[in-house]
N, C-alpha and C. Protein backbone atom coordinates (compact mmCIF):
# COMPACT_ATOMS: atom_id res chain seq x y z
N MET A 1 34.14 29.85 -28.42
CA MET A 1 33.57 30.00 -27.10
C MET A 1 33.91 28.76 -26.26
N ALA A 2 34.32 28.97 -25.03
CA ALA A 2 34.67 27.87 -24.13
C ALA A 2 33.41 27.15 -23.67
N MET A 3 33.53 25.84 -23.61
CA MET A 3 32.39 25.04 -23.19
C MET A 3 32.49 24.76 -21.69
N ASN A 4 31.37 24.79 -21.01
CA ASN A 4 31.31 24.41 -19.61
C ASN A 4 31.36 22.89 -19.56
N GLU A 5 32.52 22.35 -19.20
CA GLU A 5 32.73 20.90 -19.24
C GLU A 5 31.81 20.14 -18.29
N ALA A 6 31.55 20.71 -17.10
CA ALA A 6 30.68 20.02 -16.15
C ALA A 6 29.26 19.89 -16.71
N LEU A 7 28.78 20.97 -17.31
CA LEU A 7 27.43 20.94 -17.89
C LEU A 7 27.39 19.99 -19.09
N LYS A 8 28.42 20.04 -19.92
CA LYS A 8 28.50 19.14 -21.08
C LYS A 8 28.48 17.68 -20.63
N THR A 9 29.27 17.36 -19.62
CA THR A 9 29.31 15.98 -19.11
C THR A 9 27.94 15.57 -18.57
N TYR A 10 27.29 16.47 -17.84
CA TYR A 10 25.95 16.16 -17.32
C TYR A 10 25.00 15.85 -18.47
N LEU A 11 24.97 16.70 -19.47
CA LEU A 11 24.04 16.50 -20.59
C LEU A 11 24.36 15.23 -21.38
N GLU A 12 25.65 14.90 -21.48
CA GLU A 12 26.05 13.68 -22.18
C GLU A 12 25.71 12.41 -21.40
N THR A 13 25.59 12.52 -20.10
CA THR A 13 25.38 11.34 -19.27
C THR A 13 24.04 11.33 -18.55
N ARG A 14 23.20 12.33 -18.78
CA ARG A 14 21.90 12.41 -18.10
C ARG A 14 21.08 11.15 -18.40
N ARG A 15 20.56 10.55 -17.36
CA ARG A 15 19.77 9.33 -17.50
C ARG A 15 18.57 9.41 -16.56
N THR A 16 17.58 8.62 -16.88
CA THR A 16 16.42 8.49 -16.01
C THR A 16 16.57 7.22 -15.19
N ILE A 17 16.32 7.34 -13.91
CA ILE A 17 16.27 6.18 -13.02
C ILE A 17 14.79 5.85 -12.84
N PRO A 18 14.37 4.62 -13.10
CA PRO A 18 12.96 4.28 -12.91
C PRO A 18 12.51 4.54 -11.47
N ALA A 19 11.29 5.05 -11.33
CA ALA A 19 10.76 5.37 -10.01
C ALA A 19 10.76 4.17 -9.07
N ASN A 20 10.54 2.98 -9.62
CA ASN A 20 10.44 1.80 -8.76
C ASN A 20 11.79 1.31 -8.24
N VAL A 21 12.88 1.97 -8.59
CA VAL A 21 14.18 1.62 -8.01
C VAL A 21 14.76 2.81 -7.25
N MET A 22 13.87 3.66 -6.75
CA MET A 22 14.28 4.77 -5.89
C MET A 22 13.93 4.41 -4.45
N SER A 23 14.65 5.02 -3.53
CA SER A 23 14.37 4.79 -2.12
C SER A 23 14.59 6.09 -1.35
N GLU A 24 14.40 6.00 -0.05
CA GLU A 24 14.73 7.10 0.84
C GLU A 24 16.25 7.24 0.87
N PRO A 25 16.80 8.36 1.16
CA PRO A 25 16.05 9.56 1.46
C PRO A 25 15.64 10.30 0.20
N GLY A 26 14.60 11.07 0.35
CA GLY A 26 14.20 12.01 -0.69
C GLY A 26 14.58 13.40 -0.23
N PRO A 27 14.37 14.38 -1.07
CA PRO A 27 14.68 15.76 -0.65
C PRO A 27 13.74 16.23 0.45
N ASP A 28 14.26 17.03 1.36
CA ASP A 28 13.41 17.61 2.40
C ASP A 28 12.68 18.83 1.84
N ARG A 29 11.78 19.39 2.63
CA ARG A 29 10.95 20.50 2.17
C ARG A 29 11.79 21.68 1.67
N ASN A 30 12.83 22.03 2.39
CA ASN A 30 13.69 23.15 1.99
C ASN A 30 14.34 22.89 0.64
N THR A 31 14.84 21.67 0.46
CA THR A 31 15.48 21.31 -0.83
C THR A 31 14.44 21.29 -1.94
N ILE A 32 13.26 20.77 -1.66
CA ILE A 32 12.20 20.77 -2.68
C ILE A 32 11.88 22.20 -3.10
N GLN A 33 11.78 23.11 -2.14
CA GLN A 33 11.49 24.51 -2.49
C GLN A 33 12.60 25.10 -3.37
N LYS A 34 13.85 24.77 -3.09
CA LYS A 34 14.96 25.24 -3.92
C LYS A 34 14.86 24.63 -5.33
N MET A 35 14.52 23.34 -5.39
CA MET A 35 14.38 22.68 -6.70
C MET A 35 13.25 23.33 -7.50
N LEU A 36 12.14 23.64 -6.84
CA LEU A 36 11.02 24.26 -7.53
C LEU A 36 11.39 25.66 -8.03
N ALA A 37 12.15 26.40 -7.24
CA ALA A 37 12.60 27.73 -7.68
C ALA A 37 13.47 27.61 -8.93
N LEU A 38 14.35 26.61 -8.96
CA LEU A 38 15.18 26.38 -10.15
C LEU A 38 14.31 25.94 -11.33
N ALA A 39 13.31 25.13 -11.07
CA ALA A 39 12.45 24.63 -12.13
C ALA A 39 11.72 25.74 -12.86
N THR A 40 11.42 26.82 -12.16
CA THR A 40 10.64 27.91 -12.78
C THR A 40 11.48 28.83 -13.66
N ARG A 41 12.77 28.59 -13.74
CA ARG A 41 13.64 29.43 -14.57
C ARG A 41 13.63 28.92 -16.01
N VAL A 42 12.49 29.10 -16.66
CA VAL A 42 12.27 28.60 -18.01
C VAL A 42 11.72 29.72 -18.89
N PRO A 43 11.76 29.54 -20.21
CA PRO A 43 11.09 30.50 -21.07
C PRO A 43 9.60 30.57 -20.70
N ASP A 44 9.10 31.78 -20.54
CA ASP A 44 7.72 32.00 -20.11
C ASP A 44 7.26 33.30 -20.74
N HIS A 45 6.88 33.21 -22.01
CA HIS A 45 6.47 34.41 -22.73
C HIS A 45 5.29 35.07 -22.03
N GLY A 46 5.40 36.36 -21.78
CA GLY A 46 4.36 37.10 -21.10
C GLY A 46 4.42 36.99 -19.59
N LYS A 47 5.40 36.27 -19.08
CA LYS A 47 5.55 36.10 -17.62
C LYS A 47 4.24 35.65 -16.98
N LEU A 48 3.61 34.64 -17.58
CA LEU A 48 2.32 34.15 -17.10
C LEU A 48 2.44 33.10 -16.00
N ALA A 49 3.60 32.45 -15.92
CA ALA A 49 3.77 31.30 -15.02
C ALA A 49 2.59 30.34 -15.21
N PRO A 50 2.48 29.76 -16.43
CA PRO A 50 1.32 28.92 -16.74
C PRO A 50 1.46 27.49 -16.24
N TRP A 51 1.86 27.35 -14.99
CA TRP A 51 2.05 26.06 -14.36
C TRP A 51 2.03 26.27 -12.86
N ARG A 52 1.82 25.17 -12.15
CA ARG A 52 1.89 25.17 -10.69
C ARG A 52 2.30 23.77 -10.25
N PHE A 53 2.55 23.61 -8.96
CA PHE A 53 3.05 22.35 -8.44
C PHE A 53 2.13 21.79 -7.36
N VAL A 54 1.99 20.48 -7.35
CA VAL A 54 1.35 19.77 -6.24
C VAL A 54 2.40 18.76 -5.75
N VAL A 55 2.83 18.92 -4.51
CA VAL A 55 3.92 18.11 -3.96
C VAL A 55 3.33 17.06 -3.00
N PHE A 56 3.63 15.80 -3.29
CA PHE A 56 3.16 14.68 -2.47
C PHE A 56 4.34 14.09 -1.71
N THR A 57 4.26 14.12 -0.39
CA THR A 57 5.32 13.56 0.45
C THR A 57 4.68 12.75 1.57
N GLY A 58 5.50 12.04 2.30
CA GLY A 58 5.06 11.33 3.49
C GLY A 58 3.87 10.41 3.25
N SER A 59 2.99 10.35 4.25
CA SER A 59 1.84 9.45 4.18
C SER A 59 0.81 9.88 3.15
N ALA A 60 0.85 11.12 2.71
CA ALA A 60 -0.08 11.58 1.67
C ALA A 60 0.07 10.75 0.40
N ARG A 61 1.29 10.31 0.11
CA ARG A 61 1.51 9.50 -1.09
C ARG A 61 0.69 8.21 -1.05
N ALA A 62 0.70 7.53 0.09
CA ALA A 62 -0.05 6.27 0.22
C ALA A 62 -1.55 6.55 0.17
N ARG A 63 -1.99 7.61 0.83
CA ARG A 63 -3.42 7.95 0.84
C ARG A 63 -3.92 8.27 -0.57
N VAL A 64 -3.19 9.10 -1.29
CA VAL A 64 -3.58 9.45 -2.66
C VAL A 64 -3.47 8.22 -3.56
N GLY A 65 -2.41 7.44 -3.37
CA GLY A 65 -2.24 6.22 -4.15
C GLY A 65 -3.39 5.25 -3.97
N ALA A 66 -3.88 5.11 -2.73
CA ALA A 66 -5.02 4.22 -2.47
C ALA A 66 -6.27 4.71 -3.19
N SER A 67 -6.47 6.02 -3.22
CA SER A 67 -7.62 6.58 -3.94
C SER A 67 -7.49 6.33 -5.44
N LEU A 68 -6.29 6.48 -5.97
CA LEU A 68 -6.07 6.21 -7.40
C LEU A 68 -6.29 4.73 -7.71
N GLU A 69 -5.82 3.87 -6.82
CA GLU A 69 -6.02 2.43 -7.02
C GLU A 69 -7.51 2.10 -7.04
N GLU A 70 -8.26 2.71 -6.15
CA GLU A 70 -9.71 2.48 -6.11
C GLU A 70 -10.37 2.90 -7.43
N ILE A 71 -9.97 4.04 -7.96
CA ILE A 71 -10.50 4.51 -9.25
C ILE A 71 -10.15 3.52 -10.35
N ALA A 72 -8.89 3.09 -10.36
CA ALA A 72 -8.45 2.14 -11.39
C ALA A 72 -9.25 0.84 -11.31
N LEU A 73 -9.51 0.35 -10.10
CA LEU A 73 -10.25 -0.89 -9.92
C LEU A 73 -11.73 -0.74 -10.31
N GLN A 74 -12.29 0.44 -10.08
CA GLN A 74 -13.66 0.69 -10.51
C GLN A 74 -13.78 0.64 -12.02
N LYS A 75 -12.76 1.12 -12.69
CA LYS A 75 -12.78 1.17 -14.15
C LYS A 75 -12.37 -0.15 -14.78
N GLU A 76 -11.61 -0.95 -14.02
CA GLU A 76 -11.15 -2.25 -14.52
C GLU A 76 -11.21 -3.27 -13.38
N PRO A 77 -12.43 -3.73 -13.05
CA PRO A 77 -12.60 -4.63 -11.89
C PRO A 77 -11.82 -5.94 -12.00
N ASP A 78 -11.59 -6.41 -13.23
CA ASP A 78 -10.86 -7.67 -13.40
C ASP A 78 -9.38 -7.42 -13.74
N MET A 79 -8.83 -6.38 -13.13
CA MET A 79 -7.44 -6.00 -13.37
C MET A 79 -6.50 -7.17 -13.04
N PRO A 80 -5.56 -7.47 -13.94
CA PRO A 80 -4.59 -8.53 -13.67
C PRO A 80 -3.75 -8.21 -12.42
N ALA A 81 -3.31 -9.23 -11.75
CA ALA A 81 -2.56 -9.08 -10.50
C ALA A 81 -1.31 -8.22 -10.67
N GLU A 82 -0.61 -8.40 -11.78
CA GLU A 82 0.62 -7.61 -12.02
C GLU A 82 0.31 -6.12 -12.08
N ARG A 83 -0.76 -5.77 -12.78
CA ARG A 83 -1.16 -4.35 -12.88
C ARG A 83 -1.64 -3.84 -11.54
N ARG A 84 -2.35 -4.67 -10.80
CA ARG A 84 -2.83 -4.25 -9.48
C ARG A 84 -1.64 -3.96 -8.56
N ALA A 85 -0.61 -4.77 -8.63
CA ALA A 85 0.59 -4.53 -7.83
C ALA A 85 1.20 -3.17 -8.19
N GLN A 86 1.16 -2.82 -9.47
CA GLN A 86 1.64 -1.49 -9.89
C GLN A 86 0.79 -0.40 -9.27
N GLU A 87 -0.52 -0.58 -9.30
CA GLU A 87 -1.42 0.43 -8.76
C GLU A 87 -1.22 0.61 -7.26
N GLU A 88 -0.91 -0.46 -6.56
CA GLU A 88 -0.72 -0.39 -5.11
C GLU A 88 0.46 0.50 -4.73
N THR A 89 1.43 0.63 -5.64
CA THR A 89 2.62 1.44 -5.34
C THR A 89 2.71 2.69 -6.23
N ARG A 90 1.63 3.03 -6.88
CA ARG A 90 1.63 4.13 -7.86
C ARG A 90 2.29 5.41 -7.32
N MET A 91 1.99 5.78 -6.10
CA MET A 91 2.50 7.04 -5.55
C MET A 91 3.57 6.85 -4.48
N THR A 92 3.95 5.60 -4.20
CA THR A 92 4.93 5.37 -3.13
C THR A 92 6.24 4.79 -3.66
N ARG A 93 6.41 4.79 -4.95
CA ARG A 93 7.65 4.25 -5.53
C ARG A 93 8.87 5.07 -5.12
N ALA A 94 8.67 6.37 -5.04
CA ALA A 94 9.76 7.29 -4.69
C ALA A 94 9.33 8.11 -3.48
N PRO A 95 10.28 8.65 -2.72
CA PRO A 95 9.93 9.42 -1.53
C PRO A 95 9.15 10.70 -1.79
N VAL A 96 9.29 11.27 -2.97
CA VAL A 96 8.60 12.51 -3.31
C VAL A 96 8.03 12.38 -4.71
N VAL A 97 6.80 12.83 -4.88
CA VAL A 97 6.18 12.90 -6.20
C VAL A 97 5.67 14.33 -6.37
N ILE A 98 6.08 14.97 -7.44
CA ILE A 98 5.65 16.35 -7.70
C ILE A 98 4.90 16.38 -9.02
N ALA A 99 3.64 16.81 -8.95
CA ALA A 99 2.86 17.00 -10.17
C ALA A 99 3.13 18.42 -10.68
N VAL A 100 3.58 18.50 -11.93
CA VAL A 100 3.70 19.80 -12.59
C VAL A 100 2.41 19.96 -13.38
N VAL A 101 1.62 20.93 -12.97
CA VAL A 101 0.30 21.14 -13.54
C VAL A 101 0.35 22.31 -14.52
N SER A 102 -0.04 22.04 -15.75
CA SER A 102 -0.12 23.09 -16.76
C SER A 102 -1.43 23.84 -16.57
N THR A 103 -1.31 25.15 -16.41
CA THR A 103 -2.49 26.00 -16.27
C THR A 103 -2.71 26.81 -17.55
N ALA A 104 -2.16 26.34 -18.65
CA ALA A 104 -2.26 27.05 -19.93
C ALA A 104 -3.72 27.35 -20.26
N ALA A 105 -3.94 28.56 -20.77
CA ALA A 105 -5.30 28.98 -21.10
C ALA A 105 -5.24 30.00 -22.24
N GLN A 106 -6.38 30.27 -22.83
CA GLN A 106 -6.46 31.28 -23.88
C GLN A 106 -5.91 32.60 -23.35
N HIS A 107 -5.16 33.28 -24.20
CA HIS A 107 -4.56 34.56 -23.84
C HIS A 107 -4.54 35.42 -25.09
N PRO A 108 -4.76 36.73 -24.98
CA PRO A 108 -4.81 37.57 -26.18
C PRO A 108 -3.48 37.66 -26.94
N LYS A 109 -2.35 37.43 -26.27
CA LYS A 109 -1.05 37.58 -26.93
C LYS A 109 -0.19 36.31 -26.92
N ILE A 110 -0.34 35.48 -25.92
CA ILE A 110 0.55 34.32 -25.77
C ILE A 110 -0.22 33.06 -26.17
N PRO A 111 0.19 32.41 -27.26
CA PRO A 111 -0.51 31.19 -27.67
C PRO A 111 -0.50 30.13 -26.57
N GLU A 112 -1.60 29.41 -26.45
CA GLU A 112 -1.70 28.37 -25.44
C GLU A 112 -0.59 27.33 -25.60
N TRP A 113 -0.24 27.03 -26.84
CA TRP A 113 0.82 26.05 -27.11
C TRP A 113 2.13 26.45 -26.46
N GLU A 114 2.48 27.75 -26.51
CA GLU A 114 3.71 28.21 -25.89
C GLU A 114 3.64 28.05 -24.38
N GLN A 115 2.48 28.22 -23.80
CA GLN A 115 2.30 28.03 -22.37
C GLN A 115 2.49 26.55 -21.99
N VAL A 116 1.98 25.66 -22.83
CA VAL A 116 2.14 24.22 -22.59
C VAL A 116 3.62 23.84 -22.68
N LEU A 117 4.29 24.38 -23.68
CA LEU A 117 5.73 24.09 -23.81
C LEU A 117 6.50 24.59 -22.59
N SER A 118 6.08 25.72 -22.04
CA SER A 118 6.74 26.25 -20.84
C SER A 118 6.59 25.27 -19.68
N ALA A 119 5.41 24.65 -19.55
CA ALA A 119 5.21 23.65 -18.49
C ALA A 119 6.12 22.44 -18.71
N GLY A 120 6.31 22.04 -19.95
CA GLY A 120 7.24 20.95 -20.25
C GLY A 120 8.66 21.32 -19.88
N ALA A 121 9.02 22.57 -20.13
CA ALA A 121 10.36 23.03 -19.76
C ALA A 121 10.54 23.01 -18.24
N VAL A 122 9.48 23.34 -17.50
CA VAL A 122 9.53 23.27 -16.04
C VAL A 122 9.81 21.83 -15.60
N CYS A 123 9.16 20.86 -16.25
CA CYS A 123 9.39 19.46 -15.91
C CYS A 123 10.86 19.09 -16.08
N LEU A 124 11.44 19.47 -17.22
CA LEU A 124 12.84 19.13 -17.46
C LEU A 124 13.75 19.85 -16.46
N ASN A 125 13.47 21.12 -16.19
CA ASN A 125 14.29 21.84 -15.21
C ASN A 125 14.18 21.21 -13.82
N LEU A 126 12.99 20.76 -13.46
CA LEU A 126 12.81 20.12 -12.16
C LEU A 126 13.60 18.80 -12.12
N PHE A 127 13.56 18.07 -13.20
CA PHE A 127 14.35 16.83 -13.32
C PHE A 127 15.83 17.15 -13.09
N MET A 128 16.33 18.16 -13.80
CA MET A 128 17.75 18.50 -13.68
C MET A 128 18.08 19.07 -12.31
N ALA A 129 17.14 19.82 -11.71
CA ALA A 129 17.38 20.36 -10.36
C ALA A 129 17.48 19.22 -9.37
N ALA A 130 16.65 18.20 -9.51
CA ALA A 130 16.74 17.04 -8.62
C ALA A 130 18.12 16.39 -8.75
N ASN A 131 18.58 16.24 -9.99
CA ASN A 131 19.91 15.67 -10.22
C ASN A 131 21.00 16.55 -9.61
N ALA A 132 20.85 17.87 -9.73
CA ALA A 132 21.85 18.80 -9.19
C ALA A 132 21.98 18.66 -7.67
N PHE A 133 20.88 18.30 -7.01
CA PHE A 133 20.91 18.10 -5.56
C PHE A 133 21.27 16.67 -5.18
N GLY A 134 21.63 15.84 -6.17
CA GLY A 134 22.08 14.49 -5.90
C GLY A 134 20.99 13.44 -5.88
N PHE A 135 19.79 13.78 -6.35
CA PHE A 135 18.68 12.83 -6.37
C PHE A 135 18.41 12.33 -7.78
N ALA A 136 17.81 11.18 -7.85
CA ALA A 136 17.34 10.65 -9.12
C ALA A 136 15.94 11.19 -9.38
N ALA A 137 15.56 11.22 -10.65
CA ALA A 137 14.21 11.68 -11.01
C ALA A 137 13.69 10.84 -12.16
N ASN A 138 12.37 10.72 -12.20
CA ASN A 138 11.69 10.02 -13.28
C ASN A 138 10.46 10.84 -13.64
N TRP A 139 10.38 11.29 -14.89
CA TRP A 139 9.28 12.12 -15.37
C TRP A 139 8.28 11.19 -16.03
N LEU A 140 7.12 11.04 -15.39
CA LEU A 140 6.07 10.17 -15.88
C LEU A 140 4.77 10.97 -16.05
N THR A 141 3.81 10.35 -16.71
CA THR A 141 2.44 10.87 -16.70
C THR A 141 1.52 9.73 -16.26
N GLU A 142 1.43 8.68 -17.01
CA GLU A 142 0.63 7.50 -16.73
C GLU A 142 -0.86 7.83 -16.78
N TRP A 143 -1.70 6.81 -16.63
CA TRP A 143 -3.13 6.93 -16.87
C TRP A 143 -3.81 8.02 -16.06
N MET A 144 -3.36 8.22 -14.81
CA MET A 144 -4.05 9.16 -13.94
C MET A 144 -3.93 10.61 -14.40
N SER A 145 -2.99 10.87 -15.28
CA SER A 145 -2.84 12.23 -15.82
C SER A 145 -3.90 12.57 -16.85
N TYR A 146 -4.67 11.55 -17.27
CA TYR A 146 -5.67 11.74 -18.32
C TYR A 146 -7.06 11.32 -17.88
N ASP A 147 -7.22 11.00 -16.61
CA ASP A 147 -8.49 10.51 -16.09
C ASP A 147 -9.12 11.59 -15.21
N ALA A 148 -10.35 12.00 -15.52
CA ALA A 148 -11.01 13.10 -14.81
C ALA A 148 -11.12 12.82 -13.31
N ASP A 149 -11.49 11.60 -12.93
CA ASP A 149 -11.62 11.28 -11.51
C ASP A 149 -10.27 11.33 -10.80
N ALA A 150 -9.25 10.80 -11.45
CA ALA A 150 -7.91 10.81 -10.87
C ALA A 150 -7.37 12.23 -10.76
N LEU A 151 -7.63 13.05 -11.76
CA LEU A 151 -7.15 14.43 -11.72
C LEU A 151 -7.72 15.17 -10.51
N GLU A 152 -8.97 14.89 -10.19
CA GLU A 152 -9.58 15.52 -9.01
C GLU A 152 -8.86 15.09 -7.74
N VAL A 153 -8.55 13.80 -7.62
CA VAL A 153 -7.83 13.28 -6.45
C VAL A 153 -6.45 13.93 -6.35
N LEU A 154 -5.83 14.19 -7.49
CA LEU A 154 -4.48 14.78 -7.52
C LEU A 154 -4.48 16.29 -7.30
N GLY A 155 -5.65 16.89 -7.18
CA GLY A 155 -5.71 18.33 -6.93
C GLY A 155 -5.63 19.17 -8.19
N VAL A 156 -5.93 18.56 -9.33
CA VAL A 156 -5.89 19.29 -10.60
C VAL A 156 -7.28 19.88 -10.85
N ARG A 157 -7.32 21.16 -11.13
CA ARG A 157 -8.58 21.87 -11.30
C ARG A 157 -9.10 21.74 -12.74
N PRO A 158 -10.39 21.96 -12.92
CA PRO A 158 -10.95 21.93 -14.29
C PRO A 158 -10.19 22.88 -15.21
N GLY A 159 -9.88 22.40 -16.41
CA GLY A 159 -9.14 23.20 -17.38
C GLY A 159 -7.64 23.06 -17.29
N GLU A 160 -7.15 22.45 -16.21
CA GLU A 160 -5.71 22.23 -16.06
C GLU A 160 -5.36 20.82 -16.54
N ARG A 161 -4.07 20.62 -16.79
CA ARG A 161 -3.58 19.31 -17.23
C ARG A 161 -2.26 19.02 -16.54
N ILE A 162 -1.96 17.75 -16.42
CA ILE A 162 -0.67 17.36 -15.84
C ILE A 162 0.37 17.30 -16.95
N ALA A 163 1.43 18.09 -16.78
CA ALA A 163 2.55 18.05 -17.72
C ALA A 163 3.50 16.92 -17.34
N GLY A 164 3.56 16.61 -16.07
CA GLY A 164 4.43 15.53 -15.63
C GLY A 164 4.25 15.24 -14.16
N MET A 165 4.46 13.98 -13.82
CA MET A 165 4.53 13.54 -12.43
C MET A 165 5.98 13.17 -12.21
N LEU A 166 6.71 14.00 -11.47
CA LEU A 166 8.13 13.74 -11.26
C LEU A 166 8.34 13.01 -9.95
N HIS A 167 8.86 11.79 -10.06
CA HIS A 167 9.18 10.96 -8.91
C HIS A 167 10.65 11.22 -8.58
N ILE A 168 10.92 11.55 -7.32
CA ILE A 168 12.27 11.97 -6.92
C ILE A 168 12.71 11.20 -5.68
N GLY A 169 13.92 10.66 -5.72
CA GLY A 169 14.46 9.93 -4.57
C GLY A 169 15.91 9.57 -4.79
N THR A 170 16.37 8.65 -3.99
CA THR A 170 17.75 8.19 -4.07
C THR A 170 17.79 6.91 -4.91
N PRO A 171 18.66 6.87 -5.91
CA PRO A 171 18.73 5.66 -6.75
C PRO A 171 19.29 4.48 -5.98
N THR A 172 18.77 3.30 -6.29
CA THR A 172 19.30 2.08 -5.67
C THR A 172 20.12 1.28 -6.67
N MET A 173 20.24 1.79 -7.88
CA MET A 173 21.05 1.13 -8.90
C MET A 173 21.55 2.19 -9.88
N PRO A 174 22.63 1.90 -10.59
CA PRO A 174 23.13 2.88 -11.56
C PRO A 174 22.19 2.95 -12.76
N PRO A 175 22.16 4.09 -13.42
CA PRO A 175 21.30 4.20 -14.60
C PRO A 175 21.82 3.35 -15.75
N SER A 176 20.90 2.92 -16.58
CA SER A 176 21.31 2.16 -17.76
C SER A 176 21.18 3.07 -18.98
N GLU A 177 21.97 2.75 -19.98
CA GLU A 177 21.92 3.53 -21.23
C GLU A 177 20.87 2.92 -22.13
N ARG A 178 20.34 3.72 -23.01
CA ARG A 178 19.41 3.24 -24.01
C ARG A 178 19.81 3.84 -25.35
N PRO A 179 19.34 3.26 -26.43
CA PRO A 179 19.67 3.84 -27.73
C PRO A 179 19.13 5.27 -27.82
N ARG A 180 19.91 6.13 -28.43
CA ARG A 180 19.51 7.53 -28.61
C ARG A 180 19.24 7.77 -30.09
N PRO A 181 18.40 8.75 -30.40
CA PRO A 181 18.08 9.03 -31.80
C PRO A 181 19.31 9.44 -32.59
N ASP A 182 19.29 9.15 -33.87
CA ASP A 182 20.34 9.59 -34.79
C ASP A 182 20.01 11.03 -35.20
N VAL A 183 20.76 11.96 -34.65
CA VAL A 183 20.48 13.38 -34.88
C VAL A 183 20.51 13.73 -36.37
N ASP A 184 21.38 13.09 -37.13
CA ASP A 184 21.47 13.40 -38.56
C ASP A 184 20.16 13.12 -39.30
N THR A 185 19.44 12.07 -38.91
CA THR A 185 18.18 11.76 -39.57
C THR A 185 17.05 12.69 -39.13
N LEU A 186 17.26 13.45 -38.07
CA LEU A 186 16.24 14.35 -37.53
C LEU A 186 16.49 15.80 -37.85
N THR A 187 17.58 16.07 -38.59
CA THR A 187 18.01 17.44 -38.81
C THR A 187 17.97 17.82 -40.28
N THR A 188 17.37 18.97 -40.54
CA THR A 188 17.40 19.57 -41.88
C THR A 188 18.18 20.86 -41.78
N TRP A 189 19.22 20.98 -42.57
CA TRP A 189 20.05 22.19 -42.58
C TRP A 189 19.54 23.12 -43.68
N VAL A 190 19.30 24.35 -43.34
CA VAL A 190 18.91 25.36 -44.30
C VAL A 190 19.98 26.44 -44.24
N GLU A 191 20.84 26.48 -45.33
CA GLU A 191 21.97 27.42 -45.32
C GLU A 191 21.84 28.44 -46.42
């Protein structure tokens, strides 16, 4: 079977650009909608669409970031200056931040675990869609994905979870390589 060389090259060279080295421009609303449509093309047993998106753009990023910083400071009043600087830019590192929210729930036929995996697949597809449109992406979760007060600020409803916070923008530096796992040590062949 012939291999798609462009896709192979992409997969061989796919890298994450840290959110804090992204800048404007970010994708516009039309491009974001196209990226989200591509992101939803994932395995989804039962056609449940067990995920949804919350898109943060423009001044909303700073407003939501300030609320998250306030929560963080309430929980850690003596926060070190370095960490506080991180909190100040939590949502403004990249021009666009998209929360992929897992809405996985009990279902008579589709295990909840499969629904959660589908949300993870949406995150990866969204990452790759951003790259396909020429943008960098960084898939994060960080503390706010696990904090009840922060989840409310982010628009996450009771029973939902954040599968990923995807920061999307224009890279200001080339990606760096990191060590990759040794596939042979992770593989068991059953023949």
